[in-house]
Amino acid sequence: MNTNRMVRMFAGIFILVSLALGVPESPLFLSKYFLWLTVFVGANLLQSSFTQFCPLEIMLKRAGVRQG
């Protein structure tokens, strides 16, 4: 697996988990403030599409994951 696919996978996991923990109708609901994690991930994806700067991708490269 390369860095591009891993970044997408991590973003998807974080969004789904934060929605499960932040939406009151969810059986896993803890607090509405978990929705801020969804906002953070979405904003980071948006800015990285313009600037090509993604902190997770940098960490994955340093960990030795193949660049995609």
PDB file of N, CA and C in Angstrom:
ATOM      1  N   MET A   1       0.853  -1.175   0.000  1.00  0.00           N
ATOM      2  CA  MET A   1       0.000   0.000   0.000  1.00  0.00           C
ATOM      3  C   MET A   1       0.896   1.235   0.000  1.00  0.00           C
ATOM      4  N   ASN A   2       0.510   2.250  -0.755  1.00  0.00           N
ATOM      5  CA  ASN A   2       1.323   3.464  -0.837  1.00  0.00           C
ATOM      6  C   ASN A   2       0.724   4.586   0.011  1.00  0.00           C
ATOM      7  N   THR A   3       1.451   5.719   0.055  1.00  0.00           N
ATOM      8  CA  THR A   3       1.039   6.814   0.929  1.00  0.00           C
ATOM      9  C   THR A   3      -0.309   7.409   0.543  1.00  0.00           C
ATOM     10  N   ASN A   4      -0.584   7.526  -0.759  1.00  0.00           N
ATOM     11  CA  ASN A   4      -1.863   8.108  -1.186  1.00  0.00           C
ATOM     12  C   ASN A   4      -3.044   7.288  -0.673  1.00  0.00           C
ATOM     13  N   ARG A   5      -2.955   5.983  -0.829  1.00  0.00           N
ATOM     14  CA  ARG A   5      -4.053   5.122  -0.387  1.00  0.00           C
ATOM     15  C   ARG A   5      -4.187   5.136   1.133  1.00  0.00           C
ATOM     16  N   MET A   6      -3.055   5.190   1.837  1.00  0.00           N
ATOM     17  CA  MET A   6      -3.109   5.205   3.299  1.00  0.00           C
ATOM     18  C   MET A   6      -3.702   6.507   3.837  1.00  0.00           C
ATOM     19  N   VAL A   7      -3.373   7.630   3.193  1.00  0.00           N
ATOM     20  CA  VAL A   7      -3.949   8.914   3.614  1.00  0.00           C
ATOM     21  C   VAL A   7      -5.462   8.879   3.448  1.00  0.00           C
ATOM     22  N   ARG A   8      -5.931   8.371   2.320  1.00  0.00           N
ATOM     23  CA  ARG A   8      -7.383   8.261   2.096  1.00  0.00           C
ATOM     24  C   ARG A   8      -8.030   7.323   3.109  1.00  0.00           C
ATOM     25  N   MET A   9      -7.349   6.213   3.404  1.00  0.00           N
ATOM     26  CA  MET A   9      -7.885   5.250   4.366  1.00  0.00           C
ATOM     27  C   MET A   9      -7.987   5.871   5.759  1.00  0.00           C
ATOM     28  N   PHE A  10      -6.921   6.539   6.214  1.00  0.00           N
ATOM     29  CA  PHE A  10      -6.940   7.182   7.523  1.00  0.00           C
ATOM     30  C   PHE A  10      -8.017   8.260   7.597  1.00  0.00           C
ATOM     31  N   ALA A  11      -8.149   9.065   6.537  1.00  0.00           N
ATOM     32  CA  ALA A  11      -9.174  10.113   6.526  1.00  0.00           C
ATOM     33  C   ALA A  11     -10.566   9.503   6.636  1.00  0.00           C
ATOM     34  N   GLY A  12     -10.821   8.463   5.874  1.00  0.00           N
ATOM     35  CA  GLY A  12     -12.123   7.805   5.931  1.00  0.00           C
ATOM     36  C   GLY A  12     -12.418   7.215   7.293  1.00  0.00           C
ATOM     37  N   ILE A  13     -11.421   6.571   7.887  1.00  0.00           N
ATOM     38  CA  ILE A  13     -11.610   5.983   9.222  1.00  0.00           C
ATOM     39  C   ILE A  13     -11.896   7.072  10.247  1.00  0.00           C
ATOM     40  N   PHE A  14     -11.111   8.149  10.227  1.00  0.00           N
ATOM     41  CA  PHE A  14     -11.313   9.233  11.194  1.00  0.00           C
ATOM     42  C   PHE A  14     -12.681   9.877  11.029  1.00  0.00           C
ATOM     43  N   ILE A  15     -13.115  10.081   9.808  1.00  0.00           N
ATOM     44  CA  ILE A  15     -14.427  10.689   9.580  1.00  0.00           C
ATOM     45  C   ILE A  15     -15.543   9.779  10.078  1.00  0.00           C
ATOM     46  N   LEU A  16     -15.482   8.501   9.752  1.00  0.00           N
ATOM     47  CA  LEU A  16     -16.529   7.576  10.193  1.00  0.00           C
ATOM     48  C   LEU A  16     -16.566   7.427  11.713  1.00  0.00           C
ATOM     49  N   VAL A  17     -15.392   7.339  12.339  1.00  0.00           N
ATOM     50  CA  VAL A  17     -15.350   7.209  13.799  1.00  0.00           C
ATOM     51  C   VAL A  17     -15.870   8.477  14.469  1.00  0.00           C
ATOM     52  N   SER A  18     -15.451   9.652  13.969  1.00  0.00           N
ATOM     53  CA  SER A  18     -15.912  10.893  14.594  1.00  0.00           C
ATOM     54  C   SER A  18     -17.414  11.080  14.412  1.00  0.00           C
ATOM     55  N   LEU A  19     -17.958  10.649  13.282  1.00  0.00           N
ATOM     56  CA  LEU A  19     -19.408  10.722  13.107  1.00  0.00           C
ATOM     57  C   LEU A  19     -20.123   9.750  14.035  1.00  0.00           C
ATOM     58  N   ALA A  20     -19.580   8.554  14.187  1.00  0.00           N
ATOM     59  CA  ALA A  20     -20.200   7.572  15.086  1.00  0.00           C
ATOM     60  C   ALA A  20     -20.190   8.063  16.531  1.00  0.00           C
ATOM     61  N   LEU A  21     -19.144   8.783  16.919  1.00  0.00           N
ATOM     62  CA  LEU A  21     -19.038   9.269  18.296  1.00  0.00           C
ATOM     63  C   LEU A  21     -19.707  10.624  18.508  1.00  0.00           C
ATOM     64  N   GLY A  22     -19.997  11.363  17.420  1.00  0.00           N
ATOM     65  CA  GLY A  22     -20.503  12.717  17.574  1.00  0.00           C
ATOM     66  C   GLY A  22     -21.946  12.946  17.203  1.00  0.00           C
ATOM     67  N   VAL A  23     -22.577  11.993  16.524  1.00  0.00           N
ATOM     68  CA  VAL A  23     -23.976  12.164  16.120  1.00  0.00           C
ATOM     69  C   VAL A  23     -24.879  11.563  17.200  1.00  0.00           C
ATOM     70  N   PRO A  24     -25.793  12.354  17.765  1.00  0.00           N
ATOM     71  CA  PRO A  24     -26.624  11.872  18.877  1.00  0.00           C
ATOM     72  C   PRO A  24     -27.440  10.613  18.570  1.00  0.00           C
ATOM     73  N   GLU A  25     -27.790  10.373  17.322  1.00  0.00           N
ATOM     74  CA  GLU A  25     -28.591   9.205  16.980  1.00  0.00           C
ATOM     75  C   GLU A  25     -27.765   7.923  16.926  1.00  0.00           C
ATOM     76  N   SER A  26     -26.449   8.045  17.001  1.00  0.00           N
ATOM     77  CA  SER A  26     -25.566   6.881  16.927  1.00  0.00           C
ATOM     78  C   SER A  26     -25.565   6.125  18.260  1.00  0.00           C
ATOM     79  N   PRO A  27     -25.522   4.796  18.204  1.00  0.00           N
ATOM     80  CA  PRO A  27     -25.437   4.030  19.458  1.00  0.00           C
ATOM     81  C   PRO A  27     -24.096   4.203  20.164  1.00  0.00           C
ATOM     82  N   LEU A  28     -23.094   4.728  19.481  1.00  0.00           N
ATOM     83  CA  LEU A  28     -21.776   4.951  20.078  1.00  0.00           C
ATOM     84  C   LEU A  28     -21.573   6.397  20.527  1.00  0.00           C
ATOM     85  N   PHE A  29     -22.629   7.195  20.525  1.00  0.00           N
ATOM     86  CA  PHE A  29     -22.531   8.628  20.813  1.00  0.00           C
ATOM     87  C   PHE A  29     -21.855   8.886  22.158  1.00  0.00           C
ATOM     88  N   LEU A  30     -20.879   9.809  22.156  1.00  0.00           N
ATOM     89  CA  LEU A  30     -20.236  10.258  23.385  1.00  0.00           C
ATOM     90  C   LEU A  30     -20.409  11.758  23.597  1.00  0.00           C
ATOM     91  N   SER A  31     -20.106  12.544  22.551  1.00  0.00           N
ATOM     92  CA  SER A  31     -20.194  13.991  22.666  1.00  0.00           C
ATOM     93  C   SER A  31     -20.293  14.606  21.269  1.00  0.00           C
ATOM     94  N   LYS A  32     -21.046  15.680  21.172  1.00  0.00           N
ATOM     95  CA  LYS A  32     -21.171  16.364  19.877  1.00  0.00           C
ATOM     96  C   LYS A  32     -19.849  17.001  19.448  1.00  0.00           C
ATOM     97  N   TYR A  33     -18.923  17.159  20.366  1.00  0.00           N
ATOM     98  CA  TYR A  33     -17.642  17.787  20.046  1.00  0.00           C
ATOM     99  C   TYR A  33     -16.738  16.897  19.199  1.00  0.00           C
ATOM    100  N   PHE A  34     -17.066  15.627  19.064  1.00  0.00           N
ATOM    101  CA  PHE A  34     -16.312  14.756  18.162  1.00  0.00           C
ATOM    102  C   PHE A  34     -16.513  15.166  16.703  1.00  0.00           C
ATOM    103  N   LEU A  35     -17.567  15.921  16.421  1.00  0.00           N
ATOM    104  CA  LEU A  35     -17.787  16.391  15.056  1.00  0.00           C
ATOM    105  C   LEU A  35     -16.702  17.373  14.616  1.00  0.00           C
ATOM    106  N   TRP A  36     -16.025  18.010  15.572  1.00  0.00           N
ATOM    107  CA  TRP A  36     -14.919  18.893  15.224  1.00  0.00           C
ATOM    108  C   TRP A  36     -13.774  18.111  14.593  1.00  0.00           C
ATOM    109  N   LEU A  37     -13.629  16.847  14.940  1.00  0.00           N
ATOM    110  CA  LEU A  37     -12.617  16.016  14.300  1.00  0.00           C
ATOM    111  C   LEU A  37     -12.937  15.846  12.813  1.00  0.00           C
ATOM    112  N   THR A  38     -14.217  15.688  12.496  1.00  0.00           N
ATOM    113  CA  THR A  38     -14.637  15.598  11.101  1.00  0.00           C
ATOM    114  C   THR A  38     -14.295  16.888  10.363  1.00  0.00           C
ATOM    115  N   VAL A  39     -14.552  18.018  10.991  1.00  0.00           N
ATOM    116  CA  VAL A  39     -14.233  19.315  10.384  1.00  0.00           C
ATOM    117  C   VAL A  39     -12.731  19.439  10.156  1.00  0.00           C
ATOM    118  N   PHE A  40     -11.929  19.035  11.136  1.00  0.00           N
ATOM    119  CA  PHE A  40     -10.480  19.123  11.008  1.00  0.00           C
ATOM    120  C   PHE A  40      -9.974  18.265   9.853  1.00  0.00           C
ATOM    121  N   VAL A  41     -10.444  17.039   9.753  1.00  0.00           N
ATOM    122  CA  VAL A  41     -10.002  16.140   8.683  1.00  0.00           C
ATOM    123  C   VAL A  41     -10.408  16.701   7.319  1.00  0.00           C
ATOM    124  N   GLY A  42     -11.640  17.178   7.203  1.00  0.00           N
ATOM    125  CA  GLY A  42     -12.103  17.744   5.943  1.00  0.00           C
ATOM    126  C   GLY A  42     -11.311  18.982   5.549  1.00  0.00           C
ATOM    127  N   ALA A  43     -11.038  19.849   6.516  1.00  0.00           N
ATOM    128  CA  ALA A  43     -10.263  21.059   6.231  1.00  0.00           C
ATOM    129  C   ALA A  43      -8.836  20.708   5.824  1.00  0.00           C
ATOM    130  N   ASN A  44      -8.257  19.704   6.471  1.00  0.00           N
ATOM    131  CA  ASN A  44      -6.900  19.284   6.115  1.00  0.00           C
ATOM    132  C   ASN A  44      -6.864  18.690   4.710  1.00  0.00           C
ATOM    133  N   LEU A  45      -7.868  17.899   4.354  1.00  0.00           N
ATOM    134  CA  LEU A  45      -7.929  17.354   2.997  1.00  0.00           C
ATOM    135  C   LEU A  45      -8.062  18.466   1.963  1.00  0.00           C
ATOM    136  N   LEU A  46      -8.884  19.465   2.272  1.00  0.00           N
ATOM    137  CA  LEU A  46      -9.075  20.583   1.350  1.00  0.00           C
ATOM    138  C   LEU A  46      -7.788  21.378   1.161  1.00  0.00           C
ATOM    139  N   GLN A  47      -7.133  21.738   2.263  1.00  0.00           N
ATOM    140  CA  GLN A  47      -5.910  22.536   2.137  1.00  0.00           C
ATOM    141  C   GLN A  47      -4.799  21.743   1.473  1.00  0.00           C
ATOM    142  N   SER A  48      -4.727  20.431   1.715  1.00  0.00           N
ATOM    143  CA  SER A  48      -3.656  19.646   1.095  1.00  0.00           C
ATOM    144  C   SER A  48      -3.871  19.494  -0.407  1.00  0.00           C
ATOM    145  N   SER A  49      -5.117  19.608  -0.861  1.00  0.00           N
ATOM    146  CA  SER A  49      -5.351  19.538  -2.306  1.00  0.00           C
ATOM    147  C   SER A  49      -4.808  20.774  -3.017  1.00  0.00           C
ATOM    148  N   PHE A  50      -4.712  21.897  -2.309  1.00  0.00           N
ATOM    149  CA  PHE A  50      -4.179  23.126  -2.906  1.00  0.00           C
ATOM    150  C   PHE A  50      -2.680  23.277  -2.673  1.00  0.00           C
ATOM    151  N   THR A  51      -2.221  22.921  -1.467  1.00  0.00           N
ATOM    152  CA  THR A  51      -0.833  23.206  -1.090  1.00  0.00           C
ATOM    153  C   THR A  51       0.102  22.020  -1.244  1.00  0.00           C
ATOM    154  N   GLN A  52      -0.440  20.811  -1.429  1.00  0.00           N
ATOM    155  CA  GLN A  52       0.356  19.586  -1.491  1.00  0.00           C
ATOM    156  C   GLN A  52       1.112  19.319  -0.193  1.00  0.00           C
ATOM    157  N   PHE A  53       0.649  19.891   0.929  1.00  0.00           N
ATOM    158  CA  PHE A  53       1.251  19.664   2.243  1.00  0.00           C
ATOM    159  C   PHE A  53       0.292  18.842   3.089  1.00  0.00           C
ATOM    160  N   CYS A  54       0.708  17.627   3.438  1.00  0.00           N
ATOM    161  CA  CYS A  54      -0.116  16.748   4.251  1.00  0.00           C
ATOM    162  C   CYS A  54       0.754  16.154   5.365  1.00  0.00           C
ATOM    163  N   PRO A  55       0.512  16.514   6.617  1.00  0.00           N
ATOM    164  CA  PRO A  55       1.337  16.001   7.718  1.00  0.00           C
ATOM    165  C   PRO A  55       1.350  14.471   7.804  1.00  0.00           C
ATOM    166  N   LEU A  56       0.219  13.830   7.569  1.00  0.00           N
ATOM    167  CA  LEU A  56       0.185  12.371   7.631  1.00  0.00           C
ATOM    168  C   LEU A  56       1.070  11.761   6.553  1.00  0.00           C
ATOM    169  N   GLU A  57       1.056  12.321   5.362  1.00  0.00           N
ATOM    170  CA  GLU A  57       1.888  11.799   4.282  1.00  0.00           C
ATOM    171  C   GLU A  57       3.370  11.930   4.630  1.00  0.00           C
ATOM    172  N   ILE A  58       3.744  13.023   5.259  1.00  0.00           N
ATOM    173  CA  ILE A  58       5.134  13.214   5.680  1.00  0.00           C
ATOM    174  C   ILE A  58       5.524  12.154   6.703  1.00  0.00           C
ATOM    175  N   MET A  59       4.637  11.889   7.668  1.00  0.00           N
ATOM    176  CA  MET A  59       4.930  10.868   8.681  1.00  0.00           C
ATOM    177  C   MET A  59       5.026   9.480   8.063  1.00  0.00           C
ATOM    178  N   LEU A  60       4.165   9.195   7.108  1.00  0.00           N
ATOM    179  CA  LEU A  60       4.207   7.886   6.456  1.00  0.00           C
ATOM    180  C   LEU A  60       5.491   7.706   5.649  1.00  0.00           C
ATOM    181  N   LYS A  61       5.940   8.754   4.977  1.00  0.00           N
ATOM    182  CA  LYS A  61       7.195   8.677   4.220  1.00  0.00           C
ATOM    183  C   LYS A  61       8.371   8.414   5.143  1.00  0.00           C
ATOM    184  N   ARG A  62       8.376   9.093   6.301  1.00  0.00           N
ATOM    185  CA  ARG A  62       9.466   8.888   7.264  1.00  0.00           C
ATOM    186  C   ARG A  62       9.422   7.489   7.862  1.00  0.00           C
ATOM    187  N   ALA A  63       8.223   6.908   7.914  1.00  0.00           N
ATOM    188  CA  ALA A  63       8.078   5.549   8.443  1.00  0.00           C
ATOM    189  C   ALA A  63       8.465   4.498   7.400  1.00  0.00           C
ATOM    190  N   GLY A  64       8.755   4.934   6.175  1.00  0.00           N
ATOM    191  CA  GLY A  64       9.222   4.015   5.155  1.00  0.00           C
ATOM    192  C   GLY A  64       8.152   3.476   4.230  1.00  0.00           C
ATOM    193  N   VAL A  65       6.972   4.074   4.252  1.00  0.00           N
ATOM    194  CA  VAL A  65       5.895   3.637   3.355  1.00  0.00           C
ATOM    195  C   VAL A  65       6.214   4.126   1.954  1.00  0.00           C
ATOM    196  N   ARG A  66       5.961   3.286   0.987  1.00  0.00           N
ATOM    197  CA  ARG A  66       6.230   3.600  -0.422  1.00  0.00           C
ATOM    198  C   ARG A  66       5.380   4.793  -0.861  1.00  0.00           C
ATOM    199  N   GLN A  67       6.013   5.739  -1.544  1.00  0.00           N
ATOM    200  CA  GLN A  67       5.303   6.923  -2.011  1.00  0.00           C
ATOM    201  C   GLN A  67       4.437   6.584  -3.217  1.00  0.00           C
ATOM    202  N   GLY A  68       3.223   7.163  -3.257  1.00  0.00           N
ATOM    203  CA  GLY A  68       2.308   6.862  -4.360  1.00  0.00           C
ATOM    204  C   GLY A  68       2.098   8.023  -5.186  1.00  0.00           C
TER     205      GLY A  68
END
